[in-house]
C-alpha atoms as a PDB file:
ATOM      1  CA  MET A   1     -91.735 -64.368  13.674  1.00  0.00           C
ATOM      2  CA  THR A   2     -91.459 -64.462   9.877  1.00  0.00           C
ATOM      3  CA  ILE A   3     -94.501 -65.310   7.772  1.00  0.00           C
ATOM      4  CA  ALA A   4     -94.141 -65.760   4.028  1.00  0.00           C
ATOM      5  CA  PRO A   5     -96.361 -63.354   2.082  1.00  0.00           C
ATOM      6  CA  GLU A   6     -98.953 -64.484  -0.391  1.00  0.00           C
ATOM      7  CA  ALA A   7     -97.463 -65.601  -3.701  1.00  0.00           C
ATOM      8  CA  PRO A   8     -97.374 -62.690  -6.168  1.00  0.00           C
ATOM      9  CA  THR A   9    -100.110 -63.916  -8.484  1.00  0.00           C
ATOM     10  CA  THR A  10    -101.144 -60.275  -8.635  1.00  0.00           C
ATOM     11  CA  LEU A  11     -99.293 -57.058  -7.952  1.00  0.00           C
ATOM     12  CA  ARG A  12    -101.522 -54.363  -6.502  1.00  0.00           C
ATOM     13  CA  PHE A  13     -99.080 -51.483  -6.030  1.00  0.00           C
ATOM     14  CA  LEU A  14     -95.938 -50.777  -8.064  1.00  0.00           C
ATOM     15  CA  SER A  15     -93.572 -47.953  -7.258  1.00  0.00           C
ATOM     16  CA  LEU A  16     -91.417 -46.613 -10.083  1.00  0.00           C
ATOM     17  CA  GLU A  17     -88.355 -44.786  -8.799  1.00  0.00           C
ATOM     18  CA  ILE A  18     -87.592 -43.034 -12.050  1.00  0.00           C
ATOM     19  CA  THR A  19     -84.722 -40.816 -10.875  1.00  0.00           C
ATOM     20  CA  THR A  20     -82.350 -40.053  -8.023  1.00  0.00           C
ATOM     21  CA  ARG A  21     -82.090 -36.388  -9.031  1.00  0.00           C
ATOM     22  CA  CYS A  22     -83.659 -34.009  -6.534  1.00  0.00           C
ATOM     23  CA  GLN A  23     -83.372 -30.366  -5.509  1.00  0.00           C
ATOM     24  CA  LEU A  24     -83.090 -31.551  -1.903  1.00  0.00           C
ATOM     25  CA  THR A  25     -80.425 -33.639  -0.182  1.00  0.00           C
ATOM     26  CA  CYS A  26     -82.143 -34.534   3.131  1.00  0.00           C
ATOM     27  CA  PRO A  27     -78.711 -35.352   4.574  1.00  0.00           C
ATOM     28  CA  SER A  28     -80.003 -37.099   7.683  1.00  0.00           C
ATOM     29  CA  HIS A  29     -82.589 -39.434   6.224  1.00  0.00           C
ATOM     30  CA  CYS A  30     -83.014 -39.697   2.421  1.00  0.00           C
ATOM     31  CA  TYR A  31     -83.344 -43.440   1.792  1.00  0.00           C
ATOM     32  CA  ALA A  32     -82.454 -43.016  -1.914  1.00  0.00           C
ATOM     33  CA  GLN A  33     -79.477 -40.735  -1.212  1.00  0.00           C
ATOM     34  CA  ALA A  34     -80.863 -38.425  -3.891  1.00  0.00           C
ATOM     35  CA  GLY A  35     -79.533 -34.977  -4.710  1.00  0.00           C
ATOM     36  CA  PRO A  36     -79.041 -32.261  -7.348  1.00  0.00           C
ATOM     37  CA  THR A  37     -76.044 -33.973  -8.966  1.00  0.00           C
ATOM     38  CA  ARG A  38     -77.547 -37.453  -9.189  1.00  0.00           C
ATOM     39  CA  GLY A  39     -78.836 -38.934 -12.461  1.00  0.00           C
ATOM     40  CA  HIS A  40     -81.886 -40.729 -13.792  1.00  0.00           C
ATOM     41  CA  GLY A  41     -80.360 -44.211 -13.862  1.00  0.00           C
ATOM     42  CA  SER A  42     -80.030 -46.550 -16.823  1.00  0.00           C
ATOM     43  CA  MET A  43     -83.748 -47.174 -17.346  1.00  0.00           C
ATOM     44  CA  THR A  44     -84.991 -45.402 -20.468  1.00  0.00           C
ATOM     45  CA  GLY A  45     -88.378 -43.840 -21.019  1.00  0.00           C
ATOM     46  CA  GLN A  46     -89.226 -46.818 -23.222  1.00  0.00           C
ATOM     47  CA  ASP A  47     -88.265 -49.181 -20.384  1.00  0.00           C
ATOM     48  CA  TRP A  48     -90.602 -47.375 -17.989  1.00  0.00           C
ATOM     49  CA  HIS A  49     -93.457 -47.429 -20.509  1.00  0.00           C
ATOM     50  CA  ARG A  50     -92.987 -51.192 -20.875  1.00  0.00           C
ATOM     51  CA  LEU A  51     -93.032 -51.646 -17.095  1.00  0.00           C
ATOM     52  CA  ILE A  52     -96.329 -49.795 -16.842  1.00  0.00           C
ATOM     53  CA  ASP A  53     -97.868 -52.148 -19.403  1.00  0.00           C
ATOM     54  CA  GLU A  54     -96.452 -55.180 -17.587  1.00  0.00           C
ATOM     55  CA  ALA A  55     -97.889 -53.886 -14.320  1.00  0.00           C
ATOM     56  CA  VAL A  56    -101.361 -53.766 -15.853  1.00  0.00           C
ATOM     57  CA  ALA A  57    -100.989 -57.372 -17.023  1.00  0.00           C
ATOM     58  CA  LEU A  58    -100.085 -58.390 -13.454  1.00  0.00           C
ATOM     59  CA  GLY A  59    -103.244 -56.824 -12.043  1.00  0.00           C
ATOM     60  CA  THR A  60    -101.693 -53.662 -10.657  1.00  0.00           C
ATOM     61  CA  THR A  61    -104.217 -50.979  -9.767  1.00  0.00           C
ATOM     62  CA  THR A  62    -101.884 -48.175  -8.654  1.00  0.00           C
ATOM     63  CA  VAL A  63     -98.460 -47.012  -9.755  1.00  0.00           C
ATOM     64  CA  GLN A  64     -96.429 -44.476  -7.865  1.00  0.00           C
ATOM     65  CA  LEU A  65     -93.851 -42.257  -9.546  1.00  0.00           C
ATOM     66  CA  ILE A  66     -91.167 -41.299  -7.114  1.00  0.00           C
ATOM     67  CA  GLY A  67     -87.494 -40.377  -6.938  1.00  0.00           C
ATOM     68  CA  GLY A  68     -85.570 -38.372  -6.156  1.00  0.00           C
ATOM     69  CA  GLU A  69     -87.924 -35.818  -7.542  1.00  0.00           C
ATOM     70  CA  PRO A  70     -89.920 -37.526 -10.317  1.00  0.00           C
ATOM     71  CA  THR A  71     -90.969 -34.275 -12.006  1.00  0.00           C
ATOM     72  CA  GLN A  72     -87.298 -33.713 -12.915  1.00  0.00           C
ATOM     73  CA  HIS A  73     -87.267 -36.769 -15.201  1.00  0.00           C
ATOM     74  CA  PRO A  74     -87.607 -35.720 -18.860  1.00  0.00           C
ATOM     75  CA  ASP A  75     -90.285 -38.374 -19.507  1.00  0.00           C
ATOM     76  CA  PHE A  76     -92.304 -37.662 -16.356  1.00  0.00           C
ATOM     77  CA  THR A  77     -95.378 -36.216 -18.059  1.00  0.00           C
ATOM     78  CA  ALA A  78     -95.457 -38.906 -20.742  1.00  0.00           C
ATOM     79  CA  LEU A  79     -95.197 -41.668 -18.139  1.00  0.00           C
ATOM     80  CA  VAL A  80     -98.037 -40.262 -16.034  1.00  0.00           C
ATOM     81  CA  GLU A  81    -100.218 -39.853 -19.103  1.00  0.00           C
ATOM     82  CA  HIS A  82     -99.478 -43.406 -20.237  1.00  0.00           C
ATOM     83  CA  ALA A  83    -100.328 -44.866 -16.826  1.00  0.00           C
ATOM     84  CA  LEU A  84    -103.623 -42.983 -16.799  1.00  0.00           C
ATOM     85  CA  GLN A  85    -104.425 -44.015 -20.365  1.00  0.00           C
ATOM     86  CA  VAL A  86    -104.105 -47.722 -19.489  1.00  0.00           C
ATOM     87  CA  GLY A  87    -106.506 -47.280 -16.571  1.00  0.00           C
ATOM     88  CA  LEU A  88    -104.168 -47.133 -13.588  1.00  0.00           C
ATOM     89  CA  ARG A  89    -104.467 -44.894 -10.590  1.00  0.00           C
ATOM     90  CA  VAL A  90    -101.343 -42.774 -10.248  1.00  0.00           C
ATOM     91  CA  ARG A  91     -99.671 -41.364  -7.197  1.00  0.00           C
ATOM     92  CA  VAL A  92     -96.921 -38.801  -7.703  1.00  0.00           C
ATOM     93  CA  TYR A  93     -94.577 -38.534  -4.736  1.00  0.00           C
ATOM     94  CA  SER A  94     -93.039 -35.082  -5.121  1.00  0.00           C
ATOM     95  CA  ASN A  95     -91.193 -32.735  -2.802  1.00  0.00           C
ATOM     96  CA  LEU A  96     -93.531 -30.025  -4.182  1.00  0.00           C
ATOM     97  CA  VAL A  97     -90.683 -27.522  -4.310  1.00  0.00           C
ATOM     98  CA  ARG A  98     -91.361 -26.561  -7.926  1.00  0.00           C
ATOM     99  CA  ILE A  99     -94.511 -27.461  -9.838  1.00  0.00           C
ATOM    100  CA  ARG A 100     -94.972 -26.299 -13.415  1.00  0.00           C
ATOM    101  CA  GLN A 101     -98.355 -25.056 -14.595  1.00  0.00           C
ATOM    102  CA  ALA A 102     -98.594 -28.002 -16.998  1.00  0.00           C
ATOM    103  CA  HIS A 103     -98.074 -30.368 -14.084  1.00  0.00           C
ATOM    104  CA  TRP A 104    -100.932 -28.819 -12.140  1.00  0.00           C
ATOM    105  CA  ARG A 105    -103.251 -29.557 -15.043  1.00  0.00           C
ATOM    106  CA  LEU A 106    -101.950 -33.128 -15.111  1.00  0.00           C
ATOM    107  CA  PHE A 107    -102.427 -33.528 -11.360  1.00  0.00           C
ATOM    108  CA  GLU A 108    -106.106 -32.604 -11.575  1.00  0.00           C
ATOM    109  CA  HIS A 109    -106.929 -35.910 -13.274  1.00  0.00           C
ATOM    110  CA  PRO A 110    -109.503 -37.757 -11.121  1.00  0.00           C
ATOM    111  CA  ARG A 111    -107.316 -40.872 -10.866  1.00  0.00           C
ATOM    112  CA  LEU A 112    -104.205 -39.014  -9.731  1.00  0.00           C
ATOM    113  CA  SER A 113    -103.129 -38.135  -6.219  1.00  0.00           C
ATOM    114  CA  LEU A 114    -100.105 -36.434  -4.728  1.00  0.00           C
ATOM    115  CA  ALA A 115     -97.870 -37.317  -1.822  1.00  0.00           C
ATOM    116  CA  THR A 116     -95.082 -35.341  -0.219  1.00  0.00           C
ATOM    117  CA  SER A 117     -92.892 -35.110   2.855  1.00  0.00           C
ATOM    118  CA  TYR A 118     -93.243 -32.266   5.329  1.00  0.00           C
ATOM    119  CA  HIS A 119     -90.991 -32.022   8.346  1.00  0.00           C
ATOM    120  CA  SER A 120     -91.881 -29.070  10.533  1.00  0.00           C
ATOM    121  CA  ASP A 121     -94.066 -26.005  10.829  1.00  0.00           C
ATOM    122  CA  ASP A 122     -90.853 -24.096  11.526  1.00  0.00           C
ATOM    123  CA  PRO A 123     -89.265 -23.012   8.216  1.00  0.00           C
ATOM    124  CA  ASP A 124     -85.707 -23.119   9.560  1.00  0.00           C
ATOM    125  CA  GLU A 125     -86.119 -26.631  10.957  1.00  0.00           C
ATOM    126  CA  HIS A 126     -87.760 -27.916   7.782  1.00  0.00           C
ATOM    127  CA  ASP A 127     -85.059 -26.372   5.574  1.00  0.00           C
ATOM    128  CA  MET A 128     -82.295 -27.813   7.731  1.00  0.00           C
ATOM    129  CA  ILE A 129     -83.784 -31.296   7.309  1.00  0.00           C
ATOM    130  CA  THR A 130     -84.152 -30.966   3.526  1.00  0.00           C
ATOM    131  CA  GLY A 131     -80.809 -29.264   3.000  1.00  0.00           C
ATOM    132  CA  LEU A 132     -82.366 -26.491   0.882  1.00  0.00           C
ATOM    133  CA  ARG A 133     -83.114 -22.985   2.060  1.00  0.00           C
ATOM    134  CA  GLY A 134     -86.618 -21.944   1.068  1.00  0.00           C
ATOM    135  CA  SER A 135     -87.942 -25.486   0.635  1.00  0.00           C
ATOM    136  CA  HIS A 136     -90.467 -25.056   3.454  1.00  0.00           C
ATOM    137  CA  THR A 137     -92.025 -21.975   1.870  1.00  0.00           C
ATOM    138  CA  ALA A 138     -92.230 -23.634  -1.561  1.00  0.00           C
ATOM    139  CA  THR A 139     -93.603 -26.969  -0.384  1.00  0.00           C
ATOM    140  CA  ARG A 140     -96.171 -25.376   1.914  1.00  0.00           C
ATOM    141  CA  ALA A 141     -97.384 -23.016  -0.822  1.00  0.00           C
ATOM    142  CA  ASN A 142     -97.821 -25.897  -3.264  1.00  0.00           C
ATOM    143  CA  LEU A 143     -99.652 -27.961  -0.645  1.00  0.00           C
ATOM    144  CA  VAL A 144    -102.062 -25.070  -0.246  1.00  0.00           C
ATOM    145  CA  GLU A 145    -102.496 -24.942  -4.017  1.00  0.00           C
ATOM    146  CA  ALA A 146    -103.112 -28.699  -4.251  1.00  0.00           C
ATOM    147  CA  VAL A 147    -105.830 -28.485  -1.610  1.00  0.00           C
ATOM    148  CA  ARG A 148    -107.346 -25.467  -3.370  1.00  0.00           C
ATOM    149  CA  ARG A 149    -107.527 -27.429  -6.609  1.00  0.00           C
ATOM    150  CA  GLY A 150    -109.145 -30.405  -4.880  1.00  0.00           C
ATOM    151  CA  ILE A 151    -106.222 -32.744  -5.590  1.00  0.00           C
ATOM    152  CA  PRO A 152    -105.996 -35.623  -3.086  1.00  0.00           C
ATOM    153  CA  VAL A 153    -102.732 -35.276  -1.176  1.00  0.00           C
ATOM    154  CA  LYS A 154    -101.024 -37.401   1.441  1.00  0.00           C
ATOM    155  CA  VAL A 155     -98.319 -35.984   3.695  1.00  0.00           C
ATOM    156  CA  ALA A 156     -95.595 -38.041   5.362  1.00  0.00           C
ATOM    157  CA  ILE A 157     -93.857 -36.556   8.384  1.00  0.00           C
ATOM    158  CA  VAL A 158     -90.569 -38.301   9.142  1.00  0.00           C
ATOM    159  CA  ASP A 159     -89.622 -37.917  12.795  1.00  0.00           C
ATOM    160  CA  LEU A 160     -85.856 -37.652  13.157  1.00  0.00           C
ATOM    161  CA  GLY A 161     -86.130 -37.131  16.901  1.00  0.00           C
ATOM    162  CA  GLY A 162     -84.383 -34.461  18.923  1.00  0.00           C
ATOM    163  CA  GLY A 163     -87.527 -32.480  19.641  1.00  0.00           C
ATOM    164  CA  GLN A 164     -88.567 -32.054  15.996  1.00  0.00           C
ATOM    165  CA  ARG A 165     -91.880 -30.204  15.720  1.00  0.00           C
ATOM    166  CA  VAL A 166     -93.761 -33.220  14.408  1.00  0.00           C
ATOM    167  CA  GLU A 167     -97.089 -32.688  16.140  1.00  0.00           C
ATOM    168  CA  GLN A 168     -97.072 -29.005  15.226  1.00  0.00           C
ATOM    169  CA  ALA A 169     -96.463 -29.997  11.599  1.00  0.00           C
ATOM    170  CA  ARG A 170     -99.372 -32.436  11.768  1.00  0.00           C
ATOM    171  CA  ALA A 171    -101.658 -29.780  13.225  1.00  0.00           C
ATOM    172  CA  GLU A 172    -100.612 -27.316  10.534  1.00  0.00           C
ATOM    173  CA  MET A 173    -101.404 -29.803   7.773  1.00  0.00           C
ATOM    174  CA  GLN A 174    -104.816 -30.494   9.255  1.00  0.00           C
ATOM    175  CA  ALA A 175    -105.502 -26.766   9.464  1.00  0.00           C
ATOM    176  CA  LEU A 176    -104.584 -26.430   5.790  1.00  0.00           C
ATOM    177  CA  GLY A 177    -107.126 -29.097   4.853  1.00  0.00           C
ATOM    178  CA  VAL A 178    -104.790 -32.092   4.440  1.00  0.00           C
ATOM    179  CA  HIS A 179    -106.472 -35.128   5.963  1.00  0.00           C
ATOM    180  CA  GLN A 180    -104.116 -37.948   5.001  1.00  0.00           C
ATOM    181  CA  ILE A 181    -101.123 -37.508   7.288  1.00  0.00           C
ATOM    182  CA  HIS A 182     -98.683 -40.269   8.151  1.00  0.00           C
ATOM    183  CA  VAL A 183     -96.058 -39.917  10.888  1.00  0.00           C
ATOM    184  CA  ASP A 184     -93.179 -42.356  11.038  1.00  0.00           C
ATOM    185  CA  ALA A 185     -89.777 -42.580  12.668  1.00  0.00           C
ATOM    186  CA  VAL A 186     -86.765 -42.352  10.383  1.00  0.00           C
ATOM    187  CA  ARG A 187     -85.647 -45.738   9.046  1.00  0.00           C
ATOM    188  CA  ALA A 188     -81.974 -46.771   9.064  1.00  0.00           C
ATOM    189  CA  VAL A 189     -81.652 -46.887   5.286  1.00  0.00           C
ATOM    190  CA  GLY A 190     -79.707 -44.677   2.878  1.00  0.00           C
ATOM    191  CA  ASN A 191     -78.438 -41.451   4.443  1.00  0.00           C
ATOM    192  CA  ALA A 192     -79.883 -42.408   7.826  1.00  0.00           C
ATOM    193  CA  ALA A 193     -77.842 -45.625   7.820  1.00  0.00           C
ATOM    194  CA  THR A 194     -74.730 -43.669   6.848  1.00  0.00           C
ATOM    195  CA  VAL A 195     -75.259 -41.124   9.610  1.00  0.00           C
ATOM    196  CA  ARG A 196     -75.760 -43.884  12.161  1.00  0.00           C
ATOM    197  CA  ALA A 197     -72.877 -45.974  10.739  1.00  0.00           C
ATOM    198  CA  VAL A 198     -75.069 -49.067  10.508  1.00  0.00           C
ATOM    199  CA  LEU A 199     -75.949 -51.485   7.723  1.00  0.00           C
ATOM    200  CA  PRO A 200     -79.543 -51.528   6.425  1.00  0.00           C
ATOM    201  CA  SER A 201     -81.570 -54.289   8.039  1.00  0.00           C
ATOM    202  CA  THR A 202     -84.984 -55.881   7.583  1.00  0.00           C
ATOM    203  CA  SER A 203     -85.719 -54.731  11.134  1.00  0.00           C
ATOM    204  CA  ALA A 204     -86.032 -51.212   9.702  1.00  0.00           C
ATOM    205  CA  LEU A 205     -88.917 -52.238   7.447  1.00  0.00           C
ATOM    206  CA  CYS A 206     -92.649 -51.985   8.080  1.00  0.00           C
ATOM    207  CA  GLY A 207     -93.381 -55.681   7.599  1.00  0.00           C
ATOM    208  CA  ARG A 208     -95.539 -55.420   4.488  1.00  0.00           C
ATOM    209  CA  CYS A 209     -92.790 -55.028   1.886  1.00  0.00           C
ATOM    210  CA  GLY A 210     -93.155 -57.370  -1.073  1.00  0.00           C
ATOM    211  CA  ASP A 211     -96.740 -58.266  -0.232  1.00  0.00           C
ATOM    212  CA  LYS A 212     -98.542 -57.529  -3.537  1.00  0.00           C
ATOM    213  CA  LYS A 213     -96.231 -54.565  -3.922  1.00  0.00           C
ATOM    214  CA  ALA A 214     -92.829 -53.964  -5.436  1.00  0.00           C
ATOM    215  CA  ALA A 215     -90.515 -51.144  -6.432  1.00  0.00           C
ATOM    216  CA  ILE A 216     -88.397 -50.681  -9.544  1.00  0.00           C
ATOM    217  CA  LEU A 217     -85.204 -48.717  -8.906  1.00  0.00           C
ATOM    218  CA  PRO A 218     -83.595 -46.328 -11.446  1.00  0.00           C
ATOM    219  CA  ASP A 219     -81.281 -48.996 -12.864  1.00  0.00           C
ATOM    220  CA  GLY A 220     -84.063 -51.571 -13.207  1.00  0.00           C
ATOM    221  CA  ASP A 221     -83.504 -53.557 -10.027  1.00  0.00           C
ATOM    222  CA  VAL A 222     -86.686 -54.958  -8.479  1.00  0.00           C
ATOM    223  CA  SER A 223     -86.996 -54.444  -4.737  1.00  0.00           C
ATOM    224  CA  VAL A 224     -89.631 -55.224  -2.123  1.00  0.00           C
ATOM    225  CA  CYS A 225     -90.147 -51.450  -1.692  1.00  0.00           C
ATOM    226  CA  GLU A 226     -88.183 -48.217  -1.873  1.00  0.00           C
ATOM    227  CA  ILE A 227     -87.164 -48.395   1.767  1.00  0.00           C
ATOM    228  CA  GLY A 228     -86.126 -52.033   1.391  1.00  0.00           C
ATOM    229  CA  ARG A 229     -83.964 -51.201  -1.611  1.00  0.00           C
ATOM    230  CA  PHE A 230     -81.147 -53.376  -0.265  1.00  0.00           C
ATOM    231  CA  LEU A 231     -83.365 -56.429  -0.978  1.00  0.00           C
ATOM    232  CA  THR A 232     -83.427 -56.936  -4.745  1.00  0.00           C
ATOM    233  CA  ALA A 233     -84.477 -59.981  -6.749  1.00  0.00           C
ATOM    234  CA  GLY A 234     -83.333 -59.237 -10.284  1.00  0.00           C
ATOM    235  CA  SER A 235     -83.527 -56.630 -12.995  1.00  0.00           C
ATOM    236  CA  VAL A 236     -86.226 -55.755 -15.485  1.00  0.00           C
ATOM    237  CA  LYS A 237     -83.474 -54.644 -17.834  1.00  0.00           C
ATOM    238  CA  SER A 238     -82.812 -58.294 -18.655  1.00  0.00           C
ATOM    239  CA  ALA A 239     -86.081 -60.012 -17.703  1.00  0.00           C
ATOM    240  CA  SER A 240     -89.793 -59.341 -17.453  1.00  0.00           C
ATOM    241  CA  LEU A 241     -91.280 -58.109 -14.198  1.00  0.00           C
ATOM    242  CA  ALA A 242     -93.467 -61.215 -14.073  1.00  0.00           C
ATOM    243  CA  SER A 243     -90.443 -63.515 -14.260  1.00  0.00           C
ATOM    244  CA  VAL A 244     -88.649 -61.640 -11.483  1.00  0.00           C
ATOM    245  CA  LEU A 245     -91.695 -61.847  -9.203  1.00  0.00           C
ATOM    246  CA  ALA A 246     -92.060 -65.567  -9.947  1.00  0.00           C
ATOM    247  CA  SER A 247     -88.405 -66.277  -9.135  1.00  0.00           C
ATOM    248  CA  ASP A 248     -87.109 -68.156  -6.117  1.00  0.00           C
ATOM    249  CA  ARG A 249     -85.020 -65.096  -5.234  1.00  0.00           C
ATOM    250  CA  TRP A 250     -88.144 -62.920  -4.935  1.00  0.00           C
ATOM    251  CA  THR A 251     -89.796 -65.516  -2.718  1.00  0.00           C
ATOM    252  CA  GLN A 252     -86.712 -65.598  -0.503  1.00  0.00           C
ATOM    253  CA  ILE A 253     -86.315 -61.864  -0.058  1.00  0.00           C
ATOM    254  CA  ALA A 254     -90.028 -61.263   0.455  1.00  0.00           C
ATOM    255  CA  ALA A 255     -90.095 -63.976   3.104  1.00  0.00           C
ATOM    256  CA  SER A 256     -87.050 -62.434   4.822  1.00  0.00           C
ATOM    257  CA  VAL A 257     -89.063 -59.358   5.828  1.00  0.00           C
ATOM    258  CA  PRO A 258     -90.417 -59.852   9.372  1.00  0.00           C
ATOM    259  CA  ARG A 259     -94.208 -59.637   9.357  1.00  0.00           C
ATOM    260  CA  HIS A 260     -96.054 -57.801  12.108  1.00  0.00           C
ATOM    261  CA  THR A 261     -98.010 -60.086  14.409  1.00  0.00           C
ATOM    262  CA  SER A 262     -99.321 -57.459  16.829  1.00  0.00           C
ATOM    263  CA  ALA A 263    -103.014 -56.776  17.317  1.00  0.00           C
ATOM    264  CA  ASP A 264    -102.588 -53.336  15.768  1.00  0.00           C
ATOM    265  CA  PRO A 265    -104.178 -53.592  12.291  1.00  0.00           C
ATOM    266  CA  CYS A 266    -102.435 -50.443  11.065  1.00  0.00           C
ATOM    267  CA  PRO A 267     -98.893 -50.375  12.441  1.00  0.00           C
ATOM    268  CA  PRO A 268     -96.487 -47.611  11.478  1.00  0.00           C
ATOM    269  CA  ASP A 269     -95.344 -48.062   7.926  1.00  0.00           C
ATOM    270  CA  CYS A 270     -92.479 -47.062   5.711  1.00  0.00           C
ATOM    271  CA  ALA A 271     -93.604 -43.844   4.097  1.00  0.00           C
ATOM    272  CA  PRO A 272     -94.154 -43.323   1.234  1.00  0.00           C
ATOM    273  CA  ASN A 273     -95.232 -46.797   0.182  1.00  0.00           C
ATOM    274  CA  ASP A 274     -97.933 -47.533   2.755  1.00  0.00           C
ATOM    275  CA  ASP A 275    -100.878 -48.939   0.834  1.00  0.00           C
ATOM    276  CA  SER A 276    -101.053 -52.601   1.770  1.00  0.00           C
ATOM    277  CA  ALA A 277    -102.929 -53.013   5.004  1.00  0.00           C
ATOM    278  CA  CYS A 278    -105.424 -50.220   4.970  1.00  0.00           C
ATOM    279  CA  GLY A 279    -106.077 -49.342   1.376  1.00  0.00           C
ATOM    280  CA  PRO A 280    -109.506 -48.910  -0.147  1.00  0.00           C
ATOM    281  CA  ASP A 281    -109.582 -52.358  -1.699  1.00  0.00           C
ATOM    282  CA  ASN A 282    -108.392 -54.039   1.493  1.00  0.00           C
ATOM    283  CA  PRO A 283    -110.714 -52.626   4.152  1.00  0.00           C
ATOM    284  CA  GLY A 284    -110.188 -53.684   7.751  1.00  0.00           C
ATOM    285  CA  PRO A 285    -110.769 -52.468  11.296  1.00  0.00           C
ATOM    286  CA  CYS A 286    -108.944 -49.255  10.483  1.00  0.00           C
ATOM    287  CA  GLY A 287    -111.024 -48.332   7.453  1.00  0.00           C
ATOM    288  CA  PRO A 288    -109.609 -47.056   4.184  1.00  0.00           C
ATOM    289  CA  ALA A 289    -106.233 -45.371   4.437  1.00  0.00           C
ATOM    290  CA  ASP A 290    -106.691 -43.246   1.378  1.00  0.00           C
ATOM    291  CA  ASP A 291    -109.128 -42.417  -1.351  1.00  0.00           C
ATOM    292  CA  GLU A 292    -107.254 -43.734  -4.336  1.00  0.00           C
END
């Protein structure tokens, strides 16, 4: 059953995919098909600054900077600072492989939180999934540091199947003091779709895409979310974000996403963009999903 989402009179959560460059390749599941040789797209720093201001005008409360690895974008720090200056909450979705000292100081802002992906408590298994030797050691060490500094952090564990040590990874995160942990099966988008030789489909989506949330891709295309990147409604390179969200095309693609009708108030979601149903300003039977 397909239920049209509420008209986008406001936009609560906006994800800015500012780059597809990343130290990792995640050959079996990266939805953005990011990697070390990829670029930052055609959006300029000025474009991203404008989008942040437009988001505020649309009622957005939280922006997420993601990639790729967002800290590799040359304007990363300036964009985070601008979003904080205009009163937004900021989530940085980083692989936490390399964090500069200046970034740690930035991350300690009370309206900023971190998110990352963690795949296994076994270093070899984790590194195989990310495609980078040593990524487990680096990410785990920086998770420990984030917890030590009191920075809110959310961890997504993507289950690729085949006996992956998902529950052990969850237990390890809990032992380290991470309390926001989200486990989800891999979605057939990006590298996962290529590996499976299938086309991306709305059946791979969580069911909340486009509902007071949107994502801007590195070339300015507006999508219902990062995972649903194959559903785009227009570009902010040639139009305002407000005009794209008010377009018939946006209404059509948002309505094309099957909505969950089960009794479960908090069904599995497409990490990393999982704020809609259980966020702090939309409390329900499940309680707040995070402390942003």
